[in-house]
Amino acid sequence: MVKIEKLTLQKHINYSSELHFTGGQITRDGDLLLIERNVNEEELDPFDRPVLKRDWTIRIIKNEKIKTVQLTNVPLIPEHIDLFSDGTLLIVQARCLKDGEYAERNARRYNMNGQLIEAFTLGDGIENMQIDGKDTIWVNYFDEGIFGNFGWEQTMGRDGLVAYTINGDKLWGAREYDIIDGCALNVVDSSEIYFYYYDDYFLVQLDNMKEKNRYRMEGHHWLNQFLFAQGNLIAQMDMNKLTRFKIRNQTITKGEGLELVDEHGKHIAGPVFLRGKFLYVYGRKGIYKREF
């Protein structure tokens, strides 16, 4: 029988929405961002072109308060989201069409009034996007973004993990790691960037774009999200299921599964978010949080 550990989260805020949840992310400061759209709209196909302009609702959950930002007539599907240090918002579409010299601008920066500041291209096949405290944009790419698809031959994501300026200019790439598929990313700050990749199955820590630590995954497990907690690693492997991994001598080994429960021991089901030292769950009865 597989051992299951109960992990207790506190209710952070009561929240429910009539809109359709499509994605979200924790900021480096521990706030939660949610992306929502009208439930009456058709299902979105990431390959349909041109992308229809739609309205999107962004919720910023900070200090038990919710701020709403309305984005109107947006010509992309915002699958990734984060905040810069000045409070401006970056939304990114994972797929990016290239047709000859033309490339979609799949990154758009907005102010808190929903006004567009800038749009630029971050390439196709984006698995994750997070921003550090110096406003460096970190992007890791899945295999199609590395090797090319959707019109791309010379891909922006060929290094697997790339750091960009606030305006989308390349600063650094992880070419030396020969990344085939960028699996997971955890940007704590500029001195603490973690990424996990295939096919070496290493989890690497960068400090100001230089390797500081490297961990070997035993068993070649696929991770979608992770964080370090109490000397171990907590990771999402499948949908919203979490597992605790043990770390010893720079080797990571799979441990017991985790069941997320509230203060009363009741199971919490819903989308899970991991970053830095924060864990959130968007449950039916609200937003739950734990800080390690």
C-alpha atoms as a PDB file:
ATOM      1  CA  MET A   1       0.000   0.000   0.000  1.00  0.00           C
ATOM      2  CA  VAL A   2       1.286   3.458  -0.939  1.00  0.00           C
ATOM      3  CA  LYS A   3       1.835   5.650   2.087  1.00  0.00           C
ATOM      4  CA  ILE A   4      -0.057   8.949   2.031  1.00  0.00           C
ATOM      5  CA  GLU A   5       0.916  11.905   4.222  1.00  0.00           C
ATOM      6  CA  LYS A   6      -1.664  14.552   5.062  1.00  0.00           C
ATOM      7  CA  LEU A   7      -0.463  18.112   4.505  1.00  0.00           C
ATOM      8  CA  THR A   8      -2.571  20.795   6.170  1.00  0.00           C
ATOM      9  CA  LEU A   9      -3.278  24.146   4.523  1.00  0.00           C
ATOM     10  CA  GLN A  10      -5.037  27.147   6.056  1.00  0.00           C
ATOM     11  CA  LYS A  11      -7.862  28.882   4.245  1.00  0.00           C
ATOM     12  CA  HIS A  12      -6.353  32.107   2.921  1.00  0.00           C
ATOM     13  CA  ILE A  13      -9.478  33.746   1.542  1.00  0.00           C
ATOM     14  CA  ASN A  14     -13.034  32.892   0.548  1.00  0.00           C
ATOM     15  CA  TYR A  15     -13.282  33.002  -3.220  1.00  0.00           C
ATOM     16  CA  SER A  16     -15.466  31.642  -5.997  1.00  0.00           C
ATOM     17  CA  SER A  17     -16.083  32.937  -9.492  1.00  0.00           C
ATOM     18  CA  GLU A  18     -18.706  32.650 -12.191  1.00  0.00           C
ATOM     19  CA  LEU A  19     -15.924  32.948 -14.750  1.00  0.00           C
ATOM     20  CA  HIS A  20     -13.909  30.043 -16.151  1.00  0.00           C
ATOM     21  CA  PHE A  21     -10.478  29.494 -14.569  1.00  0.00           C
ATOM     22  CA  THR A  22      -7.779  28.984 -17.217  1.00  0.00           C
ATOM     23  CA  GLY A  23      -4.479  29.340 -15.348  1.00  0.00           C
ATOM     24  CA  GLY A  24      -2.473  31.069 -12.669  1.00  0.00           C
ATOM     25  CA  GLN A  25       0.815  31.479 -10.885  1.00  0.00           C
ATOM     26  CA  ILE A  26       2.417  32.550  -7.626  1.00  0.00           C
ATOM     27  CA  THR A  27       4.578  35.681  -7.824  1.00  0.00           C
ATOM     28  CA  ARG A  28       8.052  35.784  -6.279  1.00  0.00           C
ATOM     29  CA  ASP A  29       6.520  37.757  -3.348  1.00  0.00           C
ATOM     30  CA  GLY A  30       3.999  35.009  -2.658  1.00  0.00           C
ATOM     31  CA  ASP A  31       0.872  36.582  -4.156  1.00  0.00           C
ATOM     32  CA  LEU A  32      -1.444  34.463  -6.296  1.00  0.00           C
ATOM     33  CA  LEU A  33      -2.488  35.413  -9.826  1.00  0.00           C
ATOM     34  CA  LEU A  34      -5.510  33.841 -11.525  1.00  0.00           C
ATOM     35  CA  ILE A  35      -6.522  34.058 -15.198  1.00  0.00           C
ATOM     36  CA  GLU A  36     -10.250  33.841 -15.968  1.00  0.00           C
ATOM     37  CA  ARG A  37     -12.491  34.145 -19.030  1.00  0.00           C
ATOM     38  CA  ASN A  38     -16.172  34.101 -19.915  1.00  0.00           C
ATOM     39  CA  VAL A  39     -17.650  30.617 -19.479  1.00  0.00           C
ATOM     40  CA  ASN A  40     -19.888  31.052 -22.539  1.00  0.00           C
ATOM     41  CA  GLU A  41     -16.974  31.260 -24.941  1.00  0.00           C
ATOM     42  CA  GLU A  42     -15.944  28.281 -27.055  1.00  0.00           C
ATOM     43  CA  GLU A  43     -13.026  26.063 -26.099  1.00  0.00           C
ATOM     44  CA  LEU A  44      -9.713  27.598 -27.087  1.00  0.00           C
ATOM     45  CA  ASP A  45      -7.456  25.898 -29.628  1.00  0.00           C
ATOM     46  CA  PRO A  46      -3.837  27.103 -29.254  1.00  0.00           C
ATOM     47  CA  PHE A  47      -3.197  26.490 -32.976  1.00  0.00           C
ATOM     48  CA  ASP A  48      -6.143  28.472 -34.375  1.00  0.00           C
ATOM     49  CA  ARG A  49      -4.973  31.517 -36.313  1.00  0.00           C
ATOM     50  CA  PRO A  50      -5.606  34.357 -36.238  1.00  0.00           C
ATOM     51  CA  VAL A  51      -6.169  34.367 -32.470  1.00  0.00           C
ATOM     52  CA  LEU A  52      -9.500  36.033 -31.805  1.00  0.00           C
ATOM     53  CA  LYS A  53      -9.447  39.094 -29.583  1.00  0.00           C
ATOM     54  CA  ARG A  54     -11.037  38.301 -26.233  1.00  0.00           C
ATOM     55  CA  ASP A  55     -11.503  39.878 -22.835  1.00  0.00           C
ATOM     56  CA  TRP A  56      -9.682  38.370 -19.847  1.00  0.00           C
ATOM     57  CA  THR A  57     -10.008  38.888 -16.114  1.00  0.00           C
ATOM     58  CA  ILE A  58      -6.915  38.800 -13.899  1.00  0.00           C
ATOM     59  CA  ARG A  59      -7.276  38.352 -10.127  1.00  0.00           C
ATOM     60  CA  ILE A  60      -4.387  39.367  -7.886  1.00  0.00           C
ATOM     61  CA  ILE A  61      -4.762  37.807  -4.431  1.00  0.00           C
ATOM     62  CA  LYS A  62      -2.535  39.661  -1.987  1.00  0.00           C
ATOM     63  CA  ASN A  63      -2.743  39.982   1.811  1.00  0.00           C
ATOM     64  CA  GLU A  64      -6.218  38.408   1.889  1.00  0.00           C
ATOM     65  CA  LYS A  65      -7.510  41.001  -0.584  1.00  0.00           C
ATOM     66  CA  ILE A  66      -8.402  40.611  -4.250  1.00  0.00           C
ATOM     67  CA  LYS A  67      -7.580  43.147  -6.962  1.00  0.00           C
ATOM     68  CA  THR A  68      -9.143  42.710 -10.394  1.00  0.00           C
ATOM     69  CA  VAL A  69      -7.549  43.814 -13.663  1.00  0.00           C
ATOM     70  CA  GLN A  70      -9.621  43.707 -16.850  1.00  0.00           C
ATOM     71  CA  LEU A  71      -7.787  43.123 -20.125  1.00  0.00           C
ATOM     72  CA  THR A  72      -9.884  43.825 -23.224  1.00  0.00           C
ATOM     73  CA  ASN A  73      -9.468  42.827 -26.865  1.00  0.00           C
ATOM     74  CA  VAL A  74      -6.372  40.736 -26.178  1.00  0.00           C
ATOM     75  CA  PRO A  75      -5.070  39.041 -29.363  1.00  0.00           C
ATOM     76  CA  LEU A  76      -3.512  36.077 -27.583  1.00  0.00           C
ATOM     77  CA  ILE A  77      -4.390  33.324 -25.117  1.00  0.00           C
ATOM     78  CA  PRO A  78      -2.699  34.163 -21.782  1.00  0.00           C
ATOM     79  CA  GLU A  79      -1.423  30.837 -20.439  1.00  0.00           C
ATOM     80  CA  HIS A  80       1.432  32.253 -18.317  1.00  0.00           C
ATOM     81  CA  ILE A  81       1.375  35.306 -16.081  1.00  0.00           C
ATOM     82  CA  ASP A  82       3.632  37.176 -13.650  1.00  0.00           C
ATOM     83  CA  LEU A  83       4.346  40.637 -12.235  1.00  0.00           C
ATOM     84  CA  PHE A  84       7.312  42.971 -12.651  1.00  0.00           C
ATOM     85  CA  SER A  85       8.683  44.914  -9.671  1.00  0.00           C
ATOM     86  CA  ASP A  86       6.789  48.066 -10.732  1.00  0.00           C
ATOM     87  CA  GLY A  87       3.486  46.196 -10.557  1.00  0.00           C
ATOM     88  CA  THR A  88       3.014  45.846 -14.305  1.00  0.00           C
ATOM     89  CA  LEU A  89       1.669  42.567 -15.577  1.00  0.00           C
ATOM     90  CA  LEU A  90       3.165  40.197 -18.169  1.00  0.00           C
ATOM     91  CA  ILE A  91       0.959  37.675 -19.950  1.00  0.00           C
ATOM     92  CA  VAL A  92       2.427  35.096 -22.329  1.00  0.00           C
ATOM     93  CA  GLN A  93       0.943  32.692 -24.853  1.00  0.00           C
ATOM     94  CA  ALA A  94       2.674  29.302 -25.058  1.00  0.00           C
ATOM     95  CA  ARG A  95       2.371  28.853 -28.821  1.00  0.00           C
ATOM     96  CA  CYS A  96       3.866  31.386 -31.234  1.00  0.00           C
ATOM     97  CA  LEU A  97       3.435  31.240 -34.989  1.00  0.00           C
ATOM     98  CA  LYS A  98       6.294  32.129 -37.318  1.00  0.00           C
ATOM     99  CA  ASP A  99       5.611  32.670 -41.012  1.00  0.00           C
ATOM    100  CA  GLY A 100       8.653  33.762 -42.963  1.00  0.00           C
ATOM    101  CA  GLU A 101       9.953  36.951 -41.383  1.00  0.00           C
ATOM    102  CA  TYR A 102       6.767  37.401 -39.354  1.00  0.00           C
ATOM    103  CA  ALA A 103       6.591  36.144 -35.768  1.00  0.00           C
ATOM    104  CA  GLU A 104       3.695  36.629 -33.388  1.00  0.00           C
ATOM    105  CA  ARG A 105       4.259  38.878 -30.409  1.00  0.00           C
ATOM    106  CA  ASN A 106       3.168  36.380 -27.780  1.00  0.00           C
ATOM    107  CA  ALA A 107       4.127  38.451 -24.712  1.00  0.00           C
ATOM    108  CA  ARG A 108       2.185  41.545 -23.648  1.00  0.00           C
ATOM    109  CA  ARG A 109       2.872  43.873 -20.730  1.00  0.00           C
ATOM    110  CA  TYR A 110       0.004  45.811 -19.122  1.00  0.00           C
ATOM    111  CA  ASN A 111      -0.400  48.307 -16.313  1.00  0.00           C
ATOM    112  CA  MET A 112      -2.913  47.836 -13.501  1.00  0.00           C
ATOM    113  CA  ASN A 113      -5.508  49.805 -15.476  1.00  0.00           C
ATOM    114  CA  GLY A 114      -5.405  47.212 -18.244  1.00  0.00           C
ATOM    115  CA  GLN A 115      -3.548  49.479 -20.666  1.00  0.00           C
ATOM    116  CA  LEU A 116      -1.018  47.877 -22.985  1.00  0.00           C
ATOM    117  CA  ILE A 117       2.560  49.069 -22.448  1.00  0.00           C
ATOM    118  CA  GLU A 118       4.537  46.810 -24.754  1.00  0.00           C
ATOM    119  CA  ALA A 119       4.320  43.638 -26.831  1.00  0.00           C
ATOM    120  CA  PHE A 120       7.188  41.398 -27.931  1.00  0.00           C
ATOM    121  CA  THR A 121       8.086  37.847 -28.950  1.00  0.00           C
ATOM    122  CA  LEU A 122       9.328  35.082 -26.647  1.00  0.00           C
ATOM    123  CA  GLY A 123       9.081  32.233 -29.148  1.00  0.00           C
ATOM    124  CA  ASP A 124       7.099  29.018 -29.411  1.00  0.00           C
ATOM    125  CA  GLY A 125       6.742  26.065 -27.063  1.00  0.00           C
ATOM    126  CA  ILE A 126       6.802  27.862 -23.703  1.00  0.00           C
ATOM    127  CA  GLU A 127       6.445  25.514 -20.738  1.00  0.00           C
ATOM    128  CA  ASN A 128       6.904  28.082 -17.934  1.00  0.00           C
ATOM    129  CA  MET A 129       7.540  31.796 -17.503  1.00  0.00           C
ATOM    130  CA  GLN A 130       8.553  33.503 -14.246  1.00  0.00           C
ATOM    131  CA  ILE A 131      10.099  36.877 -13.384  1.00  0.00           C
ATOM    132  CA  ASP A 132      12.820  37.439 -10.778  1.00  0.00           C
ATOM    133  CA  GLY A 133      13.486  40.429  -8.516  1.00  0.00           C
ATOM    134  CA  LYS A 134      15.672  42.131 -11.128  1.00  0.00           C
ATOM    135  CA  ASP A 135      12.805  41.959 -13.651  1.00  0.00           C
ATOM    136  CA  THR A 136      14.568  39.262 -15.656  1.00  0.00           C
ATOM    137  CA  ILE A 137      12.061  37.075 -17.500  1.00  0.00           C
ATOM    138  CA  TRP A 138      12.916  33.369 -17.222  1.00  0.00           C
ATOM    139  CA  VAL A 139      11.379  31.083 -19.839  1.00  0.00           C
ATOM    140  CA  ASN A 140      11.778  27.343 -20.214  1.00  0.00           C
ATOM    141  CA  TYR A 141      10.633  25.546 -23.333  1.00  0.00           C
ATOM    142  CA  PHE A 142       9.227  22.140 -24.116  1.00  0.00           C
ATOM    143  CA  ASP A 143      10.613  20.041 -26.966  1.00  0.00           C
ATOM    144  CA  GLU A 144       8.777  21.754 -29.846  1.00  0.00           C
ATOM    145  CA  GLY A 145      10.024  25.128 -28.647  1.00  0.00           C
ATOM    146  CA  ILE A 146      13.580  23.805 -28.541  1.00  0.00           C
ATOM    147  CA  PHE A 147      13.782  21.863 -31.806  1.00  0.00           C
ATOM    148  CA  GLY A 148      11.239  23.757 -33.868  1.00  0.00           C
ATOM    149  CA  ASN A 149       7.599  23.623 -34.920  1.00  0.00           C
ATOM    150  CA  PHE A 150       4.813  26.007 -35.915  1.00  0.00           C
ATOM    151  CA  GLY A 151       7.003  27.679 -38.542  1.00  0.00           C
ATOM    152  CA  TRP A 152      10.189  27.949 -36.454  1.00  0.00           C
ATOM    153  CA  GLU A 153      13.481  26.567 -37.745  1.00  0.00           C
ATOM    154  CA  GLN A 154      15.897  28.708 -35.711  1.00  0.00           C
ATOM    155  CA  THR A 155      14.029  28.682 -32.420  1.00  0.00           C
ATOM    156  CA  MET A 156      14.225  31.238 -29.606  1.00  0.00           C
ATOM    157  CA  GLY A 157      14.017  28.345 -27.149  1.00  0.00           C
ATOM    158  CA  ARG A 158      16.883  26.247 -28.524  1.00  0.00           C
ATOM    159  CA  ASP A 159      18.800  26.614 -25.223  1.00  0.00           C
ATOM    160  CA  GLY A 160      15.907  25.073 -23.280  1.00  0.00           C
ATOM    161  CA  LEU A 161      15.993  27.791 -20.608  1.00  0.00           C
ATOM    162  CA  VAL A 162      16.461  31.454 -21.559  1.00  0.00           C
ATOM    163  CA  ALA A 163      16.651  34.692 -19.546  1.00  0.00           C
ATOM    164  CA  TYR A 164      15.308  37.890 -21.124  1.00  0.00           C
ATOM    165  CA  THR A 165      15.242  41.568 -20.187  1.00  0.00           C
ATOM    166  CA  ILE A 166      12.003  43.304 -19.261  1.00  0.00           C
ATOM    167  CA  ASN A 167      11.691  44.217 -22.962  1.00  0.00           C
ATOM    168  CA  GLY A 168      12.274  40.687 -24.253  1.00  0.00           C
ATOM    169  CA  ASP A 169      15.949  40.904 -25.242  1.00  0.00           C
ATOM    170  CA  LYS A 170      17.987  37.745 -24.603  1.00  0.00           C
ATOM    171  CA  LEU A 171      20.444  37.894 -21.695  1.00  0.00           C
ATOM    172  CA  TRP A 172      21.496  34.265 -21.200  1.00  0.00           C
ATOM    173  CA  GLY A 173      20.735  30.727 -22.312  1.00  0.00           C
ATOM    174  CA  ALA A 174      21.323  27.292 -20.770  1.00  0.00           C
ATOM    175  CA  ARG A 175      22.933  25.867 -23.917  1.00  0.00           C
ATOM    176  CA  GLU A 176      25.548  23.883 -21.956  1.00  0.00           C
ATOM    177  CA  TYR A 177      22.885  21.603 -20.430  1.00  0.00           C
ATOM    178  CA  ASP A 178      21.675  20.128 -23.751  1.00  0.00           C
ATOM    179  CA  ILE A 179      18.064  20.363 -22.611  1.00  0.00           C
ATOM    180  CA  ILE A 180      15.641  18.263 -24.663  1.00  0.00           C
ATOM    181  CA  ASP A 181      12.538  19.218 -22.681  1.00  0.00           C
ATOM    182  CA  GLY A 182      12.233  21.870 -19.975  1.00  0.00           C
ATOM    183  CA  CYS A 183       9.978  20.289 -17.356  1.00  0.00           C
ATOM    184  CA  ALA A 184       9.690  22.629 -14.379  1.00  0.00           C
ATOM    185  CA  LEU A 185      10.910  26.015 -13.158  1.00  0.00           C
ATOM    186  CA  ASN A 186      10.982  27.741  -9.762  1.00  0.00           C
ATOM    187  CA  VAL A 187      12.264  31.319  -9.769  1.00  0.00           C
ATOM    188  CA  VAL A 188      12.680  32.360  -6.138  1.00  0.00           C
ATOM    189  CA  ASP A 189      14.924  35.331  -6.965  1.00  0.00           C
ATOM    190  CA  SER A 190      17.886  36.143  -9.193  1.00  0.00           C
ATOM    191  CA  SER A 191      20.203  34.280  -6.809  1.00  0.00           C
ATOM    192  CA  GLU A 192      17.914  31.259  -6.550  1.00  0.00           C
ATOM    193  CA  ILE A 193      16.667  29.920  -9.895  1.00  0.00           C
ATOM    194  CA  TYR A 194      15.805  26.227 -10.044  1.00  0.00           C
ATOM    195  CA  PHE A 195      15.048  24.256 -13.208  1.00  0.00           C
ATOM    196  CA  TYR A 196      14.425  20.578 -13.880  1.00  0.00           C
ATOM    197  CA  TYR A 197      14.935  19.117 -17.325  1.00  0.00           C
ATOM    198  CA  TYR A 198      14.884  16.041 -19.546  1.00  0.00           C
ATOM    199  CA  ASP A 199      16.711  13.904 -20.557  1.00  0.00           C
ATOM    200  CA  ASP A 200      19.394  14.148 -17.887  1.00  0.00           C
ATOM    201  CA  TYR A 201      16.786  14.473 -15.117  1.00  0.00           C
ATOM    202  CA  PHE A 202      18.892  16.953 -13.197  1.00  0.00           C
ATOM    203  CA  LEU A 203      17.487  19.672 -10.969  1.00  0.00           C
ATOM    204  CA  VAL A 204      19.857  22.651 -11.141  1.00  0.00           C
ATOM    205  CA  GLN A 205      20.135  25.790  -9.015  1.00  0.00           C
ATOM    206  CA  LEU A 206      21.485  28.954 -10.602  1.00  0.00           C
ATOM    207  CA  ASP A 207      22.847  31.965  -8.741  1.00  0.00           C
ATOM    208  CA  ASN A 208      22.970  34.999 -11.032  1.00  0.00           C
ATOM    209  CA  MET A 209      23.056  32.728 -14.097  1.00  0.00           C
ATOM    210  CA  LYS A 210      25.839  30.500 -12.780  1.00  0.00           C
ATOM    211  CA  GLU A 211      25.353  26.960 -11.493  1.00  0.00           C
ATOM    212  CA  LYS A 212      25.418  26.684  -7.715  1.00  0.00           C
ATOM    213  CA  ASN A 213      23.910  23.243  -7.049  1.00  0.00           C
ATOM    214  CA  ARG A 214      22.937  20.200  -9.061  1.00  0.00           C
ATOM    215  CA  TYR A 215      20.715  17.340  -7.896  1.00  0.00           C
ATOM    216  CA  ARG A 216      20.238  13.992  -9.621  1.00  0.00           C
ATOM    217  CA  MET A 217      16.735  12.544  -9.788  1.00  0.00           C
ATOM    218  CA  GLU A 218      16.649   8.825  -9.023  1.00  0.00           C
ATOM    219  CA  GLY A 219      14.012   7.031 -11.056  1.00  0.00           C
ATOM    220  CA  HIS A 220      13.613   9.622 -13.833  1.00  0.00           C
ATOM    221  CA  HIS A 221      10.337  11.147 -12.648  1.00  0.00           C
ATOM    222  CA  TRP A 222       8.548  13.896 -14.548  1.00  0.00           C
ATOM    223  CA  LEU A 223       7.861  17.017 -12.448  1.00  0.00           C
ATOM    224  CA  ASN A 224       5.480  19.838 -13.369  1.00  0.00           C
ATOM    225  CA  GLN A 225       6.066  22.065 -10.317  1.00  0.00           C
ATOM    226  CA  PHE A 226       8.213  21.814  -7.190  1.00  0.00           C
ATOM    227  CA  LEU A 227       9.482  23.617  -4.114  1.00  0.00           C
ATOM    228  CA  PHE A 228      12.011  22.899  -1.380  1.00  0.00           C
ATOM    229  CA  ALA A 229      10.494  22.372   2.069  1.00  0.00           C
ATOM    230  CA  GLN A 230      11.998  21.183   5.345  1.00  0.00           C
ATOM    231  CA  GLY A 231      15.036  19.658   3.653  1.00  0.00           C
ATOM    232  CA  ASN A 232      12.899  17.783   1.137  1.00  0.00           C
ATOM    233  CA  LEU A 233      11.300  18.460  -2.221  1.00  0.00           C
ATOM    234  CA  ILE A 234       7.540  18.717  -2.719  1.00  0.00           C
ATOM    235  CA  ALA A 235       6.538  18.240  -6.346  1.00  0.00           C
ATOM    236  CA  GLN A 236       3.510  17.985  -8.575  1.00  0.00           C
ATOM    237  CA  MET A 237       3.860  14.983 -10.851  1.00  0.00           C
ATOM    238  CA  ASP A 238       0.396  14.348 -12.234  1.00  0.00           C
ATOM    239  CA  MET A 239      -2.530  16.776 -12.458  1.00  0.00           C
ATOM    240  CA  ASN A 240      -3.035  18.130  -8.922  1.00  0.00           C
ATOM    241  CA  LYS A 241      -1.323  15.281  -7.036  1.00  0.00           C
ATOM    242  CA  LEU A 242       1.707  16.075  -4.898  1.00  0.00           C
ATOM    243  CA  THR A 243       4.571  13.858  -3.745  1.00  0.00           C
ATOM    244  CA  ARG A 244       7.324  14.398  -1.197  1.00  0.00           C
ATOM    245  CA  PHE A 245      10.834  13.571  -2.405  1.00  0.00           C
ATOM    246  CA  LYS A 246      13.790  13.018  -0.100  1.00  0.00           C
ATOM    247  CA  ILE A 247      17.171  14.666  -0.723  1.00  0.00           C
ATOM    248  CA  ARG A 248      20.433  13.079   0.356  1.00  0.00           C
ATOM    249  CA  ASN A 249      23.943  13.631  -1.015  1.00  0.00           C
ATOM    250  CA  GLN A 250      22.579  15.684  -3.948  1.00  0.00           C
ATOM    251  CA  THR A 251      20.297  12.782  -4.945  1.00  0.00           C
ATOM    252  CA  ILE A 252      16.505  13.085  -5.011  1.00  0.00           C
ATOM    253  CA  THR A 253      14.421   9.956  -4.351  1.00  0.00           C
ATOM    254  CA  LYS A 254      10.673   9.564  -4.433  1.00  0.00           C
ATOM    255  CA  GLY A 255       8.896   9.326  -1.079  1.00  0.00           C
ATOM    256  CA  GLU A 256       5.275   9.274   0.007  1.00  0.00           C
ATOM    257  CA  GLY A 257       2.298  10.863  -1.680  1.00  0.00           C
ATOM    258  CA  LEU A 258       0.662  13.930  -0.149  1.00  0.00           C
ATOM    259  CA  GLU A 259      -3.012  14.581   0.497  1.00  0.00           C
ATOM    260  CA  LEU A 260      -3.881  18.252   0.898  1.00  0.00           C
ATOM    261  CA  VAL A 261      -6.381  18.861   3.707  1.00  0.00           C
ATOM    262  CA  ASP A 262      -7.901  21.880   5.432  1.00  0.00           C
ATOM    263  CA  GLU A 263      -7.787  22.754   9.147  1.00  0.00           C
ATOM    264  CA  HIS A 264     -10.563  20.221   9.781  1.00  0.00           C
ATOM    265  CA  GLY A 265      -8.818  17.394   7.955  1.00  0.00           C
ATOM    266  CA  LYS A 266     -11.091  17.543   4.916  1.00  0.00           C
ATOM    267  CA  HIS A 267      -9.615  16.886   1.495  1.00  0.00           C
ATOM    268  CA  ILE A 268      -8.941  19.930  -0.707  1.00  0.00           C
ATOM    269  CA  ALA A 269      -9.333  19.412  -4.451  1.00  0.00           C
ATOM    270  CA  GLY A 270      -8.433  21.935  -7.118  1.00  0.00           C
ATOM    271  CA  PRO A 271      -5.579  23.526  -9.067  1.00  0.00           C
ATOM    272  CA  VAL A 272      -2.249  23.553  -7.185  1.00  0.00           C
ATOM    273  CA  PHE A 273       0.427  26.259  -7.391  1.00  0.00           C
ATOM    274  CA  LEU A 274       4.032  25.967  -6.124  1.00  0.00           C
ATOM    275  CA  ARG A 275       6.750  28.601  -6.090  1.00  0.00           C
ATOM    276  CA  GLY A 276       9.439  29.781  -3.685  1.00  0.00           C
ATOM    277  CA  LYS A 277       8.274  28.677  -0.239  1.00  0.00           C
ATOM    278  CA  PHE A 278       4.550  28.977  -1.049  1.00  0.00           C
ATOM    279  CA  LEU A 279       1.890  26.393  -1.838  1.00  0.00           C
ATOM    280  CA  TYR A 280      -1.641  27.409  -2.870  1.00  0.00           C
ATOM    281  CA  VAL A 281      -4.725  25.405  -3.781  1.00  0.00           C
ATOM    282  CA  TYR A 282      -7.764  26.886  -5.503  1.00  0.00           C
ATOM    283  CA  GLY A 283     -10.506  24.819  -3.894  1.00  0.00           C
ATOM    284  CA  ARG A 284     -14.296  24.810  -4.195  1.00  0.00           C
ATOM    285  CA  LYS A 285     -14.700  26.798  -0.979  1.00  0.00           C
ATOM    286  CA  GLY A 286     -11.841  29.233  -1.368  1.00  0.00           C
ATOM    287  CA  ILE A 287      -8.091  29.701  -1.718  1.00  0.00           C
ATOM    288  CA  TYR A 288      -5.887  27.683   0.644  1.00  0.00           C
ATOM    289  CA  LYS A 289      -2.264  28.473   1.428  1.00  0.00           C
ATOM    290  CA  ARG A 290       0.779  27.104   3.188  1.00  0.00           C
ATOM    291  CA  GLU A 291       4.160  28.775   3.630  1.00  0.00           C
ATOM    292  CA  PHE A 292       7.191  26.610   4.389  1.00  0.00           C
END
